[in-house]
């Protein structure tokens, strides 16, 4: 039984809903926050240390980008761009002010926003009409990858709810880290996640 069906069949609320999803959704990868900070500081003078950060975060970043864009090739390109931008910006990273995960996911989110801006300027009206079914990346995932339950369900969420859900379950970020990425306090993040999960539960119940 899938994690989403567990949520749909039970009357769990709040953290209980989150716990069920977190336990059975995308595989979690936990790393030492202090270890990340030490690697980031070392990477300022040693590119091999940045390679270790790349190995730690590539999958998490890619999952988040993929579920936002719904296109594997574009997700690979944006993920590569994220790490290039991160390497360029590394001298400005201050571990005492920010842990590495929200720092790189803020770069990731900005790269996705820039991608949509470029697409909007590059696409003609005729192209928009021709590709109207692909204009929603989460909907694209639903059409092309019906086994990807997460991508299908987040199509029903607001942009903020979608960001929080994907940062939590695809990016594997903590509430505090998500708050740093989105510039919101932790209670606001928890409320967005709770409302998003409730909406997903209603979608499944009405399917």
N, C-alpha and C. Protein backbone atom coordinates (compact mmCIF):
# COMPACT_ATOMS: atom_id res chain seq x y z
N UNK A 1 0.85 -1.19 0.00
CA UNK A 1 0.00 0.00 0.00
C UNK A 1 0.88 1.23 0.00
N UNK A 2 0.54 2.23 -0.82
CA UNK A 2 1.40 3.40 -0.94
C UNK A 2 1.24 4.30 0.27
N UNK A 3 2.20 5.22 0.42
CA UNK A 3 2.13 6.17 1.52
C UNK A 3 0.90 7.05 1.39
N UNK A 4 0.55 7.42 0.14
CA UNK A 4 -0.59 8.30 -0.06
C UNK A 4 -1.90 7.58 0.24
N UNK A 5 -1.98 6.28 -0.03
CA UNK A 5 -3.18 5.54 0.29
C UNK A 5 -3.32 5.39 1.80
N UNK A 6 -2.18 5.24 2.49
CA UNK A 6 -2.23 5.19 3.95
C UNK A 6 -2.89 6.45 4.48
N UNK A 7 -2.51 7.59 3.94
CA UNK A 7 -3.08 8.85 4.39
C UNK A 7 -4.56 8.91 4.06
N UNK A 8 -4.94 8.44 2.87
CA UNK A 8 -6.32 8.53 2.43
C UNK A 8 -7.23 7.63 3.25
N UNK A 9 -6.72 6.49 3.70
CA UNK A 9 -7.57 5.53 4.38
C UNK A 9 -7.66 5.76 5.88
N UNK A 10 -6.85 6.63 6.41
CA UNK A 10 -6.85 6.88 7.85
C UNK A 10 -7.27 8.32 8.10
N UNK A 11 -7.56 8.63 9.33
CA UNK A 11 -8.01 9.97 9.67
C UNK A 11 -6.92 10.71 10.42
N UNK A 12 -5.68 10.52 10.02
CA UNK A 12 -4.56 11.15 10.69
C UNK A 12 -4.57 12.65 10.43
N UNK A 13 -4.09 13.40 11.37
CA UNK A 13 -4.04 14.85 11.25
C UNK A 13 -2.61 15.32 11.55
N UNK A 14 -2.32 16.55 11.06
CA UNK A 14 -1.07 17.21 11.42
C UNK A 14 0.16 16.36 11.23
N UNK A 15 0.91 16.21 12.34
CA UNK A 15 2.16 15.46 12.27
C UNK A 15 1.94 13.99 11.97
N UNK A 16 0.77 13.44 12.32
CA UNK A 16 0.51 12.03 12.02
C UNK A 16 0.44 11.82 10.51
N UNK A 17 -0.17 12.77 9.79
CA UNK A 17 -0.20 12.68 8.33
C UNK A 17 1.23 12.77 7.81
N UNK A 18 1.95 13.76 8.29
CA UNK A 18 3.32 13.94 7.84
C UNK A 18 4.17 12.71 8.13
N UNK A 19 3.97 12.12 9.32
CA UNK A 19 4.75 10.95 9.69
C UNK A 19 4.52 9.79 8.75
N UNK A 20 3.28 9.56 8.36
CA UNK A 20 2.98 8.46 7.44
C UNK A 20 3.63 8.68 6.09
N UNK A 21 3.56 9.90 5.61
CA UNK A 21 4.19 10.20 4.31
C UNK A 21 5.70 10.09 4.41
N UNK A 22 6.24 10.66 5.46
CA UNK A 22 7.69 10.69 5.58
C UNK A 22 8.26 9.30 5.74
N UNK A 23 7.52 8.42 6.36
CA UNK A 23 8.01 7.06 6.61
C UNK A 23 8.08 6.24 5.35
N UNK A 24 7.20 6.51 4.37
CA UNK A 24 7.12 5.64 3.21
C UNK A 24 7.30 6.34 1.89
N UNK A 25 7.55 7.63 1.91
CA UNK A 25 7.70 8.34 0.65
C UNK A 25 9.11 8.21 0.13
N UNK A 26 9.62 9.28 -0.48
CA UNK A 26 10.94 9.22 -1.07
C UNK A 26 11.99 8.92 -0.01
N UNK A 27 13.03 8.16 -0.35
CA UNK A 27 14.02 7.76 0.65
C UNK A 27 14.72 8.96 1.24
N UNK A 28 14.81 8.97 2.55
CA UNK A 28 15.47 10.08 3.22
C UNK A 28 16.96 9.83 3.31
N UNK A 29 17.74 10.92 3.18
CA UNK A 29 19.18 10.84 3.33
C UNK A 29 19.56 11.86 4.40
N UNK A 30 20.13 11.41 5.48
CA UNK A 30 20.47 12.32 6.55
C UNK A 30 21.97 12.49 6.62
N UNK A 31 22.38 13.74 6.75
CA UNK A 31 23.79 14.05 6.84
C UNK A 31 24.00 14.96 8.03
N UNK A 32 25.20 14.96 8.52
CA UNK A 32 25.54 15.83 9.63
C UNK A 32 25.57 17.28 9.16
N UNK A 33 24.79 18.14 9.84
CA UNK A 33 24.79 19.56 9.50
C UNK A 33 26.18 20.14 9.70
N UNK A 34 26.80 19.78 10.81
CA UNK A 34 28.16 20.27 11.07
C UNK A 34 29.13 19.77 10.01
N UNK A 35 28.93 18.52 9.57
CA UNK A 35 29.80 17.97 8.52
C UNK A 35 29.64 18.71 7.21
N UNK A 36 28.41 19.08 6.86
CA UNK A 36 28.17 19.87 5.65
C UNK A 36 28.87 21.21 5.74
N UNK A 37 28.75 21.86 6.88
CA UNK A 37 29.37 23.17 7.06
C UNK A 37 30.89 23.08 6.94
N UNK A 38 31.45 22.03 7.54
CA UNK A 38 32.90 21.86 7.46
C UNK A 38 33.35 21.61 6.02
N UNK A 39 32.57 20.79 5.29
CA UNK A 39 32.90 20.54 3.89
C UNK A 39 32.79 21.81 3.06
N UNK A 40 31.75 22.60 3.33
CA UNK A 40 31.56 23.84 2.57
C UNK A 40 32.72 24.80 2.80
N UNK A 41 33.16 24.89 4.05
CA UNK A 41 34.30 25.76 4.34
C UNK A 41 35.56 25.23 3.67
N UNK A 42 35.75 23.91 3.71
CA UNK A 42 36.93 23.32 3.07
C UNK A 42 36.88 23.49 1.56
N UNK A 43 35.66 23.44 0.98
CA UNK A 43 35.51 23.53 -0.47
C UNK A 43 35.90 24.90 -1.01
N UNK A 44 35.98 25.89 -0.15
CA UNK A 44 36.40 27.22 -0.61
C UNK A 44 37.83 27.21 -1.11
N UNK A 45 38.61 26.23 -0.64
CA UNK A 45 40.00 26.13 -1.09
C UNK A 45 40.32 24.77 -1.70
N UNK A 46 39.40 23.83 -1.58
CA UNK A 46 39.64 22.47 -2.07
C UNK A 46 38.42 21.97 -2.83
N UNK A 47 38.53 21.88 -4.16
CA UNK A 47 37.40 21.47 -4.98
C UNK A 47 36.95 20.04 -4.69
N UNK A 48 37.83 19.20 -4.18
CA UNK A 48 37.45 17.83 -3.86
C UNK A 48 36.40 17.80 -2.75
N UNK A 49 36.50 18.72 -1.82
CA UNK A 49 35.50 18.81 -0.75
C UNK A 49 34.14 19.17 -1.32
N UNK A 50 34.13 20.03 -2.34
CA UNK A 50 32.85 20.37 -2.97
C UNK A 50 32.28 19.15 -3.68
N UNK A 51 33.15 18.29 -4.21
CA UNK A 51 32.69 17.05 -4.83
C UNK A 51 31.93 16.18 -3.85
N UNK A 52 32.35 16.18 -2.60
CA UNK A 52 31.63 15.41 -1.58
C UNK A 52 30.26 16.00 -1.31
N UNK A 53 30.16 17.33 -1.29
CA UNK A 53 28.86 17.98 -1.12
C UNK A 53 27.96 17.67 -2.32
N UNK A 54 28.54 17.66 -3.50
CA UNK A 54 27.78 17.32 -4.70
C UNK A 54 27.18 15.92 -4.58
N UNK A 55 27.98 14.97 -4.12
CA UNK A 55 27.49 13.59 -3.96
C UNK A 55 26.39 13.52 -2.92
N UNK A 56 26.50 14.30 -1.87
CA UNK A 56 25.51 14.28 -0.81
C UNK A 56 24.17 14.87 -1.26
N UNK A 57 24.24 15.92 -2.06
CA UNK A 57 23.03 16.70 -2.35
C UNK A 57 22.47 16.53 -3.74
N UNK A 58 23.18 15.88 -4.64
CA UNK A 58 22.70 15.81 -6.02
C UNK A 58 21.29 15.20 -6.10
N UNK A 59 21.08 14.05 -5.48
CA UNK A 59 19.79 13.37 -5.59
C UNK A 59 18.67 14.21 -5.01
N UNK A 60 18.90 14.83 -3.86
CA UNK A 60 17.87 15.65 -3.23
C UNK A 60 17.50 16.84 -4.10
N UNK A 61 18.52 17.50 -4.64
CA UNK A 61 18.26 18.65 -5.50
C UNK A 61 17.55 18.22 -6.78
N UNK A 62 18.03 17.13 -7.39
CA UNK A 62 17.41 16.66 -8.62
C UNK A 62 15.95 16.29 -8.41
N UNK A 63 15.64 15.58 -7.32
CA UNK A 63 14.25 15.19 -7.06
C UNK A 63 13.34 16.41 -6.97
N UNK A 64 13.82 17.42 -6.25
CA UNK A 64 13.02 18.64 -6.11
C UNK A 64 12.80 19.31 -7.47
N UNK A 65 13.89 19.45 -8.24
CA UNK A 65 13.79 20.11 -9.55
C UNK A 65 12.89 19.31 -10.49
N UNK A 66 13.06 17.99 -10.48
CA UNK A 66 12.26 17.15 -11.37
C UNK A 66 10.77 17.30 -11.08
N UNK A 67 10.41 17.28 -9.81
CA UNK A 67 8.99 17.38 -9.47
C UNK A 67 8.44 18.78 -9.71
N UNK A 68 9.30 19.79 -9.79
CA UNK A 68 8.84 21.12 -10.16
C UNK A 68 8.70 21.27 -11.67
N UNK A 69 9.59 20.64 -12.44
CA UNK A 69 9.59 20.83 -13.89
C UNK A 69 8.88 19.72 -14.64
N UNK A 70 8.97 18.49 -14.13
CA UNK A 70 8.32 17.37 -14.79
C UNK A 70 9.02 16.89 -16.05
N UNK A 71 10.25 17.32 -16.27
CA UNK A 71 10.98 16.94 -17.47
C UNK A 71 12.38 16.49 -17.06
N UNK A 72 12.72 15.21 -17.25
CA UNK A 72 14.02 14.71 -16.77
C UNK A 72 15.21 15.45 -17.36
N UNK A 73 15.17 15.74 -18.67
CA UNK A 73 16.31 16.41 -19.31
C UNK A 73 16.48 17.82 -18.75
N UNK A 74 15.38 18.55 -18.62
CA UNK A 74 15.46 19.90 -18.06
C UNK A 74 15.91 19.85 -16.60
N UNK A 75 15.43 18.84 -15.87
CA UNK A 75 15.82 18.71 -14.47
C UNK A 75 17.33 18.47 -14.34
N UNK A 76 17.88 17.66 -15.21
CA UNK A 76 19.32 17.42 -15.19
C UNK A 76 20.08 18.71 -15.48
N UNK A 77 19.62 19.46 -16.48
CA UNK A 77 20.29 20.71 -16.84
C UNK A 77 20.25 21.71 -15.70
N UNK A 78 19.07 21.86 -15.09
CA UNK A 78 18.93 22.83 -14.00
C UNK A 78 19.74 22.39 -12.78
N UNK A 79 19.74 21.09 -12.51
CA UNK A 79 20.52 20.60 -11.36
C UNK A 79 22.00 20.87 -11.56
N UNK A 80 22.50 20.63 -12.78
CA UNK A 80 23.90 20.93 -13.08
C UNK A 80 24.18 22.42 -12.90
N UNK A 81 23.24 23.25 -13.35
CA UNK A 81 23.39 24.70 -13.21
C UNK A 81 23.42 25.11 -11.74
N UNK A 82 22.59 24.46 -10.93
CA UNK A 82 22.54 24.78 -9.50
C UNK A 82 23.90 24.57 -8.86
N UNK A 83 24.53 23.44 -9.15
CA UNK A 83 25.82 23.17 -8.52
C UNK A 83 26.93 24.07 -9.07
N UNK A 84 26.80 24.46 -10.32
CA UNK A 84 27.76 25.42 -10.88
C UNK A 84 27.62 26.77 -10.17
N UNK A 85 26.36 27.20 -9.98
CA UNK A 85 26.12 28.46 -9.29
C UNK A 85 26.56 28.37 -7.82
N UNK A 86 26.33 27.21 -7.22
CA UNK A 86 26.74 27.03 -5.82
C UNK A 86 28.25 27.12 -5.69
N UNK A 87 28.96 26.51 -6.62
CA UNK A 87 30.42 26.57 -6.57
C UNK A 87 30.92 28.00 -6.75
N UNK A 88 30.29 28.73 -7.66
CA UNK A 88 30.68 30.12 -7.89
C UNK A 88 30.38 30.99 -6.67
N UNK A 89 29.26 30.69 -6.00
CA UNK A 89 28.85 31.52 -4.86
C UNK A 89 29.45 31.07 -3.54
N UNK A 90 30.18 29.97 -3.55
CA UNK A 90 30.68 29.39 -2.30
C UNK A 90 31.49 30.37 -1.45
N UNK A 91 32.31 31.25 -2.05
CA UNK A 91 33.05 32.19 -1.20
C UNK A 91 32.16 33.08 -0.34
N UNK A 92 30.90 33.25 -0.74
CA UNK A 92 29.98 34.10 0.03
C UNK A 92 29.22 33.32 1.11
N UNK A 93 29.35 32.00 1.08
CA UNK A 93 28.63 31.17 2.05
C UNK A 93 29.24 31.33 3.44
N UNK A 94 28.39 31.59 4.44
CA UNK A 94 28.84 31.73 5.83
C UNK A 94 28.12 30.70 6.68
N UNK A 95 28.84 29.68 7.09
CA UNK A 95 28.24 28.58 7.84
C UNK A 95 27.67 29.03 9.17
N UNK A 96 28.20 30.08 9.75
CA UNK A 96 27.69 30.54 11.05
C UNK A 96 26.31 31.20 10.91
N UNK A 97 25.97 31.62 9.69
CA UNK A 97 24.68 32.29 9.47
C UNK A 97 23.64 31.36 8.84
N UNK A 98 24.10 30.32 8.17
CA UNK A 98 23.17 29.50 7.41
C UNK A 98 23.75 28.10 7.24
N UNK A 99 22.92 27.05 7.45
CA UNK A 99 23.38 25.71 7.16
C UNK A 99 23.36 25.48 5.65
N UNK A 100 24.05 24.46 5.19
CA UNK A 100 24.26 24.30 3.75
C UNK A 100 22.98 23.93 3.00
N UNK A 101 22.13 23.08 3.59
CA UNK A 101 20.95 22.61 2.87
C UNK A 101 20.03 23.74 2.42
N UNK A 102 19.59 24.63 3.32
CA UNK A 102 18.73 25.72 2.84
C UNK A 102 19.45 26.66 1.89
N UNK A 103 20.76 26.80 2.06
CA UNK A 103 21.53 27.67 1.17
C UNK A 103 21.48 27.15 -0.27
N UNK A 104 21.74 25.87 -0.46
CA UNK A 104 21.74 25.34 -1.82
C UNK A 104 20.32 25.21 -2.37
N UNK A 105 19.33 24.96 -1.52
CA UNK A 105 17.97 24.88 -2.02
C UNK A 105 17.40 26.26 -2.36
N UNK A 106 17.91 27.30 -1.75
CA UNK A 106 17.50 28.64 -2.18
C UNK A 106 18.07 28.91 -3.58
N UNK A 107 19.29 28.51 -3.81
CA UNK A 107 19.87 28.63 -5.15
C UNK A 107 19.04 27.82 -6.14
N UNK A 108 18.63 26.63 -5.73
CA UNK A 108 17.83 25.75 -6.59
C UNK A 108 16.49 26.40 -6.94
N UNK A 109 15.81 26.90 -5.94
CA UNK A 109 14.50 27.52 -6.18
C UNK A 109 14.65 28.73 -7.10
N UNK A 110 15.67 29.55 -6.90
CA UNK A 110 15.90 30.70 -7.77
C UNK A 110 16.19 30.28 -9.20
N UNK A 111 16.92 29.17 -9.36
CA UNK A 111 17.23 28.67 -10.71
C UNK A 111 15.95 28.23 -11.42
N UNK A 112 15.03 27.63 -10.69
CA UNK A 112 13.75 27.21 -11.28
C UNK A 112 12.93 28.44 -11.68
N UNK A 113 12.89 29.45 -10.82
CA UNK A 113 12.17 30.68 -11.14
C UNK A 113 12.76 31.32 -12.40
N UNK A 114 14.09 31.38 -12.48
CA UNK A 114 14.75 31.94 -13.68
C UNK A 114 14.41 31.13 -14.91
N UNK A 115 14.35 29.81 -14.75
CA UNK A 115 14.02 28.93 -15.88
C UNK A 115 12.63 29.25 -16.42
N UNK A 116 11.66 29.43 -15.54
CA UNK A 116 10.31 29.75 -15.99
C UNK A 116 10.25 31.13 -16.64
N UNK A 117 11.02 32.07 -16.12
CA UNK A 117 11.05 33.40 -16.74
C UNK A 117 11.61 33.33 -18.15
N UNK A 118 12.70 32.58 -18.32
CA UNK A 118 13.28 32.43 -19.66
C UNK A 118 12.30 31.75 -20.60
N UNK A 119 11.63 30.71 -20.10
CA UNK A 119 10.67 29.99 -20.93
C UNK A 119 9.53 30.91 -21.35
N UNK A 120 9.08 31.75 -20.41
CA UNK A 120 7.97 32.65 -20.72
C UNK A 120 8.35 33.66 -21.80
N UNK A 121 9.57 34.16 -21.74
CA UNK A 121 9.99 35.13 -22.73
C UNK A 121 10.30 34.48 -24.08
N UNK A 122 10.73 33.24 -24.08
CA UNK A 122 11.14 32.58 -25.31
C UNK A 122 9.99 31.92 -26.05
N UNK A 123 8.88 31.72 -25.37
CA UNK A 123 7.77 30.98 -25.97
C UNK A 123 6.76 31.93 -26.61
N UNK A 124 6.41 31.68 -27.85
CA UNK A 124 5.43 32.52 -28.55
C UNK A 124 4.02 32.13 -28.15
N UNK A 125 3.04 32.97 -28.50
CA UNK A 125 1.64 32.68 -28.20
C UNK A 125 1.21 31.38 -28.87
N UNK A 126 1.64 31.18 -30.11
CA UNK A 126 1.27 29.95 -30.82
C UNK A 126 1.83 28.73 -30.12
N UNK A 127 3.06 28.82 -29.65
CA UNK A 127 3.68 27.70 -28.94
C UNK A 127 2.94 27.42 -27.64
N UNK A 128 2.51 28.47 -26.97
CA UNK A 128 1.77 28.28 -25.73
C UNK A 128 0.47 27.53 -25.98
N UNK A 129 -0.23 27.89 -27.07
CA UNK A 129 -1.47 27.21 -27.38
C UNK A 129 -1.21 25.76 -27.78
N UNK A 130 -0.12 25.54 -28.53
CA UNK A 130 0.17 24.19 -29.00
C UNK A 130 0.56 23.27 -27.86
N UNK A 131 1.27 23.83 -26.87
CA UNK A 131 1.78 23.01 -25.77
C UNK A 131 1.03 23.28 -24.47
N UNK A 132 -0.22 23.70 -24.59
CA UNK A 132 -0.96 24.09 -23.39
C UNK A 132 -1.04 22.97 -22.37
N UNK A 133 -1.07 21.71 -22.83
CA UNK A 133 -1.19 20.59 -21.90
C UNK A 133 0.08 20.39 -21.09
N UNK A 134 1.21 20.97 -21.57
CA UNK A 134 2.49 20.79 -20.88
C UNK A 134 2.86 22.01 -20.05
N UNK A 135 1.98 22.99 -19.98
CA UNK A 135 2.36 24.24 -19.31
C UNK A 135 2.47 24.07 -17.79
N UNK A 136 1.81 23.07 -17.25
CA UNK A 136 1.89 22.80 -15.83
C UNK A 136 2.83 21.63 -15.61
N UNK A 137 4.03 21.87 -15.06
CA UNK A 137 5.00 20.78 -14.93
C UNK A 137 4.51 19.61 -14.09
N UNK A 138 3.76 19.89 -13.03
CA UNK A 138 3.25 18.79 -12.20
C UNK A 138 2.23 17.98 -13.00
N UNK A 139 1.43 18.67 -13.83
CA UNK A 139 0.48 17.96 -14.69
C UNK A 139 1.19 17.11 -15.71
N UNK A 140 2.33 17.59 -16.18
CA UNK A 140 3.13 16.82 -17.13
C UNK A 140 3.59 15.51 -16.50
N UNK A 141 4.01 15.59 -15.25
CA UNK A 141 4.41 14.38 -14.53
C UNK A 141 3.23 13.42 -14.43
N UNK A 142 2.05 13.96 -14.14
CA UNK A 142 0.86 13.13 -14.00
C UNK A 142 0.57 12.39 -15.31
N UNK A 143 0.70 13.09 -16.46
CA UNK A 143 0.40 12.49 -17.76
C UNK A 143 1.45 11.46 -18.18
N UNK A 144 2.72 11.76 -17.91
CA UNK A 144 3.80 10.92 -18.42
C UNK A 144 4.26 9.87 -17.43
N UNK A 145 4.11 10.13 -16.16
CA UNK A 145 4.62 9.21 -15.13
C UNK A 145 3.54 8.96 -14.09
N UNK A 146 2.53 8.18 -14.45
CA UNK A 146 1.41 7.99 -13.55
C UNK A 146 1.80 7.26 -12.28
N UNK A 147 2.93 6.59 -12.28
CA UNK A 147 3.39 5.94 -11.07
C UNK A 147 3.95 6.92 -10.06
N UNK A 148 4.24 8.14 -10.48
CA UNK A 148 4.81 9.15 -9.59
C UNK A 148 3.66 9.83 -8.85
N UNK A 149 3.23 9.23 -7.74
CA UNK A 149 2.07 9.75 -7.01
C UNK A 149 2.31 11.16 -6.48
N UNK A 150 3.53 11.41 -6.03
CA UNK A 150 3.81 12.73 -5.48
C UNK A 150 3.64 13.80 -6.54
N UNK A 151 4.23 13.58 -7.72
CA UNK A 151 4.11 14.57 -8.78
C UNK A 151 2.68 14.79 -9.20
N UNK A 152 1.88 13.74 -9.16
CA UNK A 152 0.48 13.86 -9.55
C UNK A 152 -0.30 14.68 -8.55
N UNK A 153 -0.11 14.41 -7.28
CA UNK A 153 -0.93 15.05 -6.26
C UNK A 153 -0.58 16.51 -6.03
N UNK A 154 0.70 16.87 -6.15
CA UNK A 154 1.06 18.26 -5.89
C UNK A 154 0.53 19.19 -6.98
N UNK A 155 0.05 18.63 -8.08
CA UNK A 155 -0.55 19.45 -9.13
C UNK A 155 -1.76 20.20 -8.61
N UNK A 156 -2.37 19.72 -7.53
CA UNK A 156 -3.59 20.32 -6.99
C UNK A 156 -3.29 21.38 -5.93
N UNK A 157 -2.03 21.62 -5.64
CA UNK A 157 -1.67 22.53 -4.56
C UNK A 157 -1.36 23.93 -5.08
N UNK A 158 -1.41 24.90 -4.17
CA UNK A 158 -0.94 26.24 -4.50
C UNK A 158 0.57 26.20 -4.67
N UNK A 159 1.15 27.24 -5.25
CA UNK A 159 2.60 27.28 -5.46
C UNK A 159 3.34 27.14 -4.14
N UNK A 160 2.88 27.84 -3.10
CA UNK A 160 3.57 27.78 -1.81
C UNK A 160 3.44 26.41 -1.18
N UNK A 161 2.23 25.84 -1.24
CA UNK A 161 2.04 24.49 -0.69
C UNK A 161 2.90 23.49 -1.44
N UNK A 162 2.96 23.61 -2.75
CA UNK A 162 3.76 22.69 -3.57
C UNK A 162 5.24 22.79 -3.19
N UNK A 163 5.71 24.03 -3.01
CA UNK A 163 7.11 24.22 -2.63
C UNK A 163 7.40 23.53 -1.30
N UNK A 164 6.53 23.75 -0.32
CA UNK A 164 6.77 23.18 1.01
C UNK A 164 6.73 21.66 0.96
N UNK A 165 5.75 21.08 0.29
CA UNK A 165 5.64 19.63 0.21
C UNK A 165 6.86 19.03 -0.48
N UNK A 166 7.29 19.63 -1.59
CA UNK A 166 8.43 19.07 -2.32
C UNK A 166 9.75 19.30 -1.60
N UNK A 167 9.90 20.45 -0.96
CA UNK A 167 11.12 20.66 -0.19
C UNK A 167 11.20 19.68 0.98
N UNK A 168 10.03 19.35 1.55
CA UNK A 168 9.99 18.44 2.69
C UNK A 168 10.26 16.99 2.27
N UNK A 169 9.54 16.53 1.22
CA UNK A 169 9.58 15.11 0.89
C UNK A 169 10.49 14.76 -0.28
N UNK A 170 10.75 15.69 -1.19
CA UNK A 170 11.71 15.44 -2.27
C UNK A 170 13.09 15.97 -1.87
N UNK A 171 13.11 17.17 -1.27
CA UNK A 171 14.38 17.75 -0.84
C UNK A 171 14.85 17.27 0.51
N UNK A 172 13.94 16.64 1.30
CA UNK A 172 14.28 16.10 2.61
C UNK A 172 14.81 17.18 3.55
N UNK A 173 14.18 18.36 3.53
CA UNK A 173 14.60 19.45 4.40
C UNK A 173 13.76 19.47 5.67
N UNK A 174 14.34 20.01 6.73
CA UNK A 174 13.61 20.19 7.98
C UNK A 174 12.70 21.41 7.84
N UNK A 175 11.79 21.59 8.81
CA UNK A 175 10.91 22.76 8.78
C UNK A 175 11.73 24.05 8.87
N UNK A 176 12.73 24.04 9.72
CA UNK A 176 13.57 25.24 9.87
C UNK A 176 14.29 25.55 8.56
N UNK A 177 14.79 24.53 7.89
CA UNK A 177 15.50 24.73 6.63
C UNK A 177 14.56 25.24 5.54
N UNK A 178 13.35 24.69 5.49
CA UNK A 178 12.37 25.16 4.52
C UNK A 178 12.03 26.62 4.79
N UNK A 179 11.89 26.98 6.06
CA UNK A 179 11.62 28.36 6.41
C UNK A 179 12.71 29.29 5.92
N UNK A 180 13.96 28.84 6.02
CA UNK A 180 15.07 29.66 5.54
C UNK A 180 15.01 29.82 4.03
N UNK A 181 14.71 28.73 3.32
CA UNK A 181 14.62 28.80 1.85
C UNK A 181 13.51 29.76 1.41
N UNK A 182 12.35 29.66 2.04
CA UNK A 182 11.17 30.43 1.61
C UNK A 182 11.02 31.75 2.36
N UNK A 183 11.91 32.00 3.32
CA UNK A 183 11.87 33.21 4.12
C UNK A 183 10.54 33.31 4.89
N UNK A 184 10.18 32.20 5.53
CA UNK A 184 8.99 32.13 6.34
C UNK A 184 9.35 31.55 7.70
N UNK A 185 8.52 31.86 8.73
CA UNK A 185 8.80 31.26 10.03
C UNK A 185 8.31 29.82 10.04
N UNK A 186 8.78 29.07 11.03
CA UNK A 186 8.48 27.64 11.07
C UNK A 186 6.99 27.35 11.22
N UNK A 187 6.24 28.08 12.06
CA UNK A 187 4.79 27.81 12.12
C UNK A 187 4.09 27.99 10.77
N UNK A 188 4.51 28.98 9.99
CA UNK A 188 3.91 29.20 8.67
C UNK A 188 4.21 28.03 7.75
N UNK A 189 5.43 27.50 7.83
CA UNK A 189 5.80 26.35 7.01
C UNK A 189 4.95 25.14 7.40
N UNK A 190 4.81 24.91 8.69
CA UNK A 190 4.02 23.77 9.16
C UNK A 190 2.56 23.90 8.72
N UNK A 191 2.02 25.11 8.76
CA UNK A 191 0.64 25.31 8.34
C UNK A 191 0.48 25.05 6.84
N UNK A 192 1.43 25.54 6.03
CA UNK A 192 1.36 25.28 4.59
C UNK A 192 1.44 23.79 4.30
N UNK A 193 2.32 23.09 5.02
CA UNK A 193 2.43 21.65 4.81
C UNK A 193 1.14 20.95 5.22
N UNK A 194 0.61 21.32 6.37
CA UNK A 194 -0.63 20.69 6.86
C UNK A 194 -1.77 20.89 5.86
N UNK A 195 -1.93 22.13 5.37
CA UNK A 195 -3.00 22.40 4.42
C UNK A 195 -2.78 21.67 3.10
N UNK A 196 -1.51 21.61 2.69
CA UNK A 196 -1.20 20.89 1.45
C UNK A 196 -1.52 19.41 1.55
N UNK A 197 -1.15 18.81 2.67
CA UNK A 197 -1.42 17.39 2.86
C UNK A 197 -2.92 17.11 2.98
N UNK A 198 -3.63 18.04 3.63
CA UNK A 198 -5.08 17.88 3.72
C UNK A 198 -5.72 17.94 2.34
N UNK A 199 -5.23 18.84 1.50
CA UNK A 199 -5.78 18.96 0.15
C UNK A 199 -5.48 17.70 -0.65
N UNK A 200 -4.27 17.17 -0.51
CA UNK A 200 -3.92 15.94 -1.21
C UNK A 200 -4.80 14.78 -0.75
N UNK A 201 -5.07 14.74 0.56
CA UNK A 201 -5.93 13.69 1.11
C UNK A 201 -7.33 13.78 0.51
N UNK A 202 -7.86 15.00 0.39
CA UNK A 202 -9.21 15.18 -0.19
C UNK A 202 -9.23 14.77 -1.66
N UNK A 203 -8.16 15.09 -2.38
CA UNK A 203 -8.08 14.69 -3.80
C UNK A 203 -8.16 13.17 -3.92
N UNK A 204 -7.42 12.47 -3.06
CA UNK A 204 -7.44 11.01 -3.12
C UNK A 204 -8.79 10.44 -2.74
N UNK A 205 -9.40 11.04 -1.74
CA UNK A 205 -10.71 10.53 -1.32
C UNK A 205 -11.78 10.72 -2.40
N UNK A 206 -11.61 11.77 -3.22
CA UNK A 206 -12.59 12.05 -4.28
C UNK A 206 -12.23 11.43 -5.61
N UNK A 207 -11.07 10.75 -5.66
CA UNK A 207 -10.63 10.15 -6.94
C UNK A 207 -11.50 8.96 -7.33
